[in-house]
PDB file of N, CA and C in Angstrom:
ATOM      1  N   UNK A   1       0.861  -1.195   0.000  1.00  0.00           N
ATOM      2  CA  UNK A   1       0.000   0.000   0.000  1.00  0.00           C
ATOM      3  C   UNK A   1       0.894   1.241   0.000  1.00  0.00           C
ATOM      4  N   UNK A   2       1.389   1.610  -1.162  1.00  0.00           N
ATOM      5  CA  UNK A   2       2.254   2.789  -1.254  1.00  0.00           C
ATOM      6  C   UNK A   2       1.420   3.991  -1.704  1.00  0.00           C
ATOM      7  N   UNK A   3       1.411   5.039  -0.896  1.00  0.00           N
ATOM      8  CA  UNK A   3       0.618   6.230  -1.231  1.00  0.00           C
ATOM      9  C   UNK A   3       1.461   7.276  -1.949  1.00  0.00           C
ATOM     10  N   UNK A   4       2.780   7.283  -1.688  1.00  0.00           N
ATOM     11  CA  UNK A   4       3.647   8.288  -2.305  1.00  0.00           C
ATOM     12  C   UNK A   4       4.186   7.767  -3.634  1.00  0.00           C
ATOM     13  N   UNK A   5       4.103   8.596  -4.667  1.00  0.00           N
ATOM     14  CA  UNK A   5       4.606   8.211  -5.985  1.00  0.00           C
ATOM     15  C   UNK A   5       5.701   9.182  -6.398  1.00  0.00           C
ATOM     16  N   UNK A   6       6.928   8.667  -6.558  1.00  0.00           N
ATOM     17  CA  UNK A   6       8.044   9.521  -6.954  1.00  0.00           C
ATOM     18  C   UNK A   6       8.738   8.963  -8.176  1.00  0.00           C
ATOM     19  N   UNK A   7       9.638   9.751  -8.743  1.00  0.00           N
ATOM     20  CA  UNK A   7      10.335   9.303  -9.953  1.00  0.00           C
ATOM     21  C   UNK A   7      11.312   8.182  -9.607  1.00  0.00           C
ATOM     22  N   UNK A   8      11.762   8.104  -8.352  1.00  0.00           N
ATOM     23  CA  UNK A   8      12.738   7.087  -7.966  1.00  0.00           C
ATOM     24  C   UNK A   8      12.050   5.823  -7.454  1.00  0.00           C
ATOM     25  N   UNK A   9      10.782   5.923  -7.055  1.00  0.00           N
ATOM     26  CA  UNK A   9      10.097   4.757  -6.495  1.00  0.00           C
ATOM     27  C   UNK A   9       9.342   3.970  -7.559  1.00  0.00           C
ATOM     28  N   UNK A  10       8.938   4.633  -8.637  1.00  0.00           N
ATOM     29  CA  UNK A  10       8.137   3.949  -9.661  1.00  0.00           C
ATOM     30  C   UNK A  10       8.944   2.855 -10.378  1.00  0.00           C
ATOM     31  N   UNK A  11      10.165   3.120 -10.867  1.00  0.00           N
ATOM     32  CA  UNK A  11      10.911   2.064 -11.562  1.00  0.00           C
ATOM     33  C   UNK A  11      11.213   0.873 -10.658  1.00  0.00           C
ATOM     34  N   UNK A  12      11.516   1.119  -9.392  1.00  0.00           N
ATOM     35  CA  UNK A  12      11.804   0.019  -8.473  1.00  0.00           C
ATOM     36  C   UNK A  12      10.541  -0.804  -8.251  1.00  0.00           C
ATOM     37  N   UNK A  13       9.383  -0.139  -8.180  1.00  0.00           N
ATOM     38  CA  UNK A  13       8.132  -0.864  -7.990  1.00  0.00           C
ATOM     39  C   UNK A  13       7.838  -1.732  -9.206  1.00  0.00           C
ATOM     40  N   UNK A  14       8.112  -1.212 -10.404  1.00  0.00           N
ATOM     41  CA  UNK A  14       7.871  -1.991 -11.624  1.00  0.00           C
ATOM     42  C   UNK A  14       8.762  -3.233 -11.626  1.00  0.00           C
ATOM     43  N   UNK A  15      10.023  -3.076 -11.224  1.00  0.00           N
ATOM     44  CA  UNK A  15      10.933  -4.228 -11.191  1.00  0.00           C
ATOM     45  C   UNK A  15      10.439  -5.249 -10.182  1.00  0.00           C
ATOM     46  N   UNK A  16       9.993  -4.782  -9.013  1.00  0.00           N
ATOM     47  CA  UNK A  16       9.499  -5.711  -7.992  1.00  0.00           C
ATOM     48  C   UNK A  16       8.248  -6.428  -8.490  1.00  0.00           C
ATOM     49  N   UNK A  17       7.359  -5.697  -9.173  1.00  0.00           N
ATOM     50  CA  UNK A  17       6.137  -6.316  -9.686  1.00  0.00           C
ATOM     51  C   UNK A  17       6.492  -7.375 -10.727  1.00  0.00           C
ATOM     52  N   UNK A  18       7.466  -7.074 -11.593  1.00  0.00           N
ATOM     53  CA  UNK A  18       7.872  -8.053 -12.609  1.00  0.00           C
ATOM     54  C   UNK A  18       8.424  -9.309 -11.954  1.00  0.00           C
ATOM     55  N   UNK A  19       9.242  -9.147 -10.915  1.00  0.00           N
ATOM     56  CA  UNK A  19       9.794 -10.316 -10.224  1.00  0.00           C
ATOM     57  C   UNK A  19       8.688 -11.116  -9.559  1.00  0.00           C
ATOM     58  N   UNK A  20       7.731 -10.422  -8.939  1.00  0.00           N
ATOM     59  CA  UNK A  20       6.626 -11.122  -8.270  1.00  0.00           C
ATOM     60  C   UNK A  20       5.790 -11.874  -9.302  1.00  0.00           C
ATOM     61  N   UNK A  21       5.549 -11.254 -10.461  1.00  0.00           N
ATOM     62  CA  UNK A  21       4.761 -11.914 -11.498  1.00  0.00           C
ATOM     63  C   UNK A  21       5.479 -13.173 -11.991  1.00  0.00           C
ATOM     64  N   UNK A  22       6.816 -13.101 -12.155  1.00  0.00           N
ATOM     65  CA  UNK A  22       7.563 -14.280 -12.606  1.00  0.00           C
ATOM     66  C   UNK A  22       7.454 -15.396 -11.580  1.00  0.00           C
ATOM     67  N   UNK A  23       7.602 -15.060 -10.300  1.00  0.00           N
ATOM     68  CA  UNK A  23       7.500 -16.081  -9.246  1.00  0.00           C
ATOM     69  C   UNK A  23       6.090 -16.654  -9.226  1.00  0.00           C
ATOM     70  N   UNK A  24       5.083 -15.767  -9.398  1.00  0.00           N
ATOM     71  CA  UNK A  24       3.692 -16.234  -9.386  1.00  0.00           C
ATOM     72  C   UNK A  24       3.444 -17.201 -10.530  1.00  0.00           C
ATOM     73  N   UNK A  25       4.024 -16.914 -11.701  1.00  0.00           N
ATOM     74  CA  UNK A  25       3.838 -17.817 -12.855  1.00  0.00           C
ATOM     75  C   UNK A  25       4.444 -19.180 -12.578  1.00  0.00           C
ATOM     76  N   UNK A  26       5.636 -19.206 -11.997  1.00  0.00           N
ATOM     77  CA  UNK A  26       6.296 -20.485 -11.706  1.00  0.00           C
ATOM     78  C   UNK A  26       5.473 -21.276 -10.692  1.00  0.00           C
ATOM     79  N   UNK A  27       5.016 -20.601  -9.647  1.00  0.00           N
ATOM     80  CA  UNK A  27       4.222 -21.290  -8.624  1.00  0.00           C
ATOM     81  C   UNK A  27       2.914 -21.788  -9.230  1.00  0.00           C
ATOM     82  N   UNK A  28       2.285 -20.947 -10.059  1.00  0.00           N
ATOM     83  CA  UNK A  28       1.018 -21.344 -10.673  1.00  0.00           C
ATOM     84  C   UNK A  28       1.210 -22.551 -11.574  1.00  0.00           C
ATOM     85  N   UNK A  29       2.309 -22.560 -12.343  1.00  0.00           N
ATOM     86  CA  UNK A  29       2.572 -23.695 -13.232  1.00  0.00           C
ATOM     87  C   UNK A  29       2.806 -24.964 -12.427  1.00  0.00           C
ATOM     88  N   UNK A  30       3.586 -24.870 -11.355  1.00  0.00           N
ATOM     89  CA  UNK A  30       3.884 -26.058 -10.551  1.00  0.00           C
ATOM     90  C   UNK A  30       2.604 -26.606  -9.923  1.00  0.00           C
ATOM     91  N   UNK A  31       1.762 -25.725  -9.411  1.00  0.00           N
ATOM     92  CA  UNK A  31       0.505 -26.185  -8.798  1.00  0.00           C
ATOM     93  C   UNK A  31      -0.426 -26.756  -9.867  1.00  0.00           C
ATOM     94  N   UNK A  32      -0.518 -26.076 -11.016  1.00  0.00           N
ATOM     95  CA  UNK A  32      -1.420 -26.519 -12.078  1.00  0.00           C
ATOM     96  C   UNK A  32      -1.019 -27.902 -12.582  1.00  0.00           C
ATOM     97  N   UNK A  33       0.294 -28.099 -12.829  1.00  0.00           N
ATOM     98  CA  UNK A  33       0.750 -29.392 -13.350  1.00  0.00           C
ATOM     99  C   UNK A  33       0.690 -30.471 -12.271  1.00  0.00           C
ATOM    100  N   UNK A  34       0.854 -30.082 -11.012  1.00  0.00           N
ATOM    101  CA  UNK A  34       0.810 -31.086  -9.944  1.00  0.00           C
ATOM    102  C   UNK A  34      -0.613 -31.626  -9.781  1.00  0.00           C
ATOM    103  N   UNK A  35      -1.605 -30.736  -9.881  1.00  0.00           N
ATOM    104  CA  UNK A  35      -2.992 -31.188  -9.766  1.00  0.00           C
ATOM    105  C   UNK A  35      -3.443 -31.889 -11.042  1.00  0.00           C
ATOM    106  N   UNK A  36      -2.849 -31.517 -12.172  1.00  0.00           N
ATOM    107  CA  UNK A  36      -3.252 -32.111 -13.444  1.00  0.00           C
ATOM    108  C   UNK A  36      -2.503 -33.417 -13.636  1.00  0.00           C
TER     109      UNK A  36
END
């Protein structure tokens, strides 16, 4: 829950979101294939 938006915080947030999305995809694939 970040309320402040700055020029230095936005790029770092995008990088963190990309890393989280990659981890989420790997976890989702492992769970999907394990149940399938």
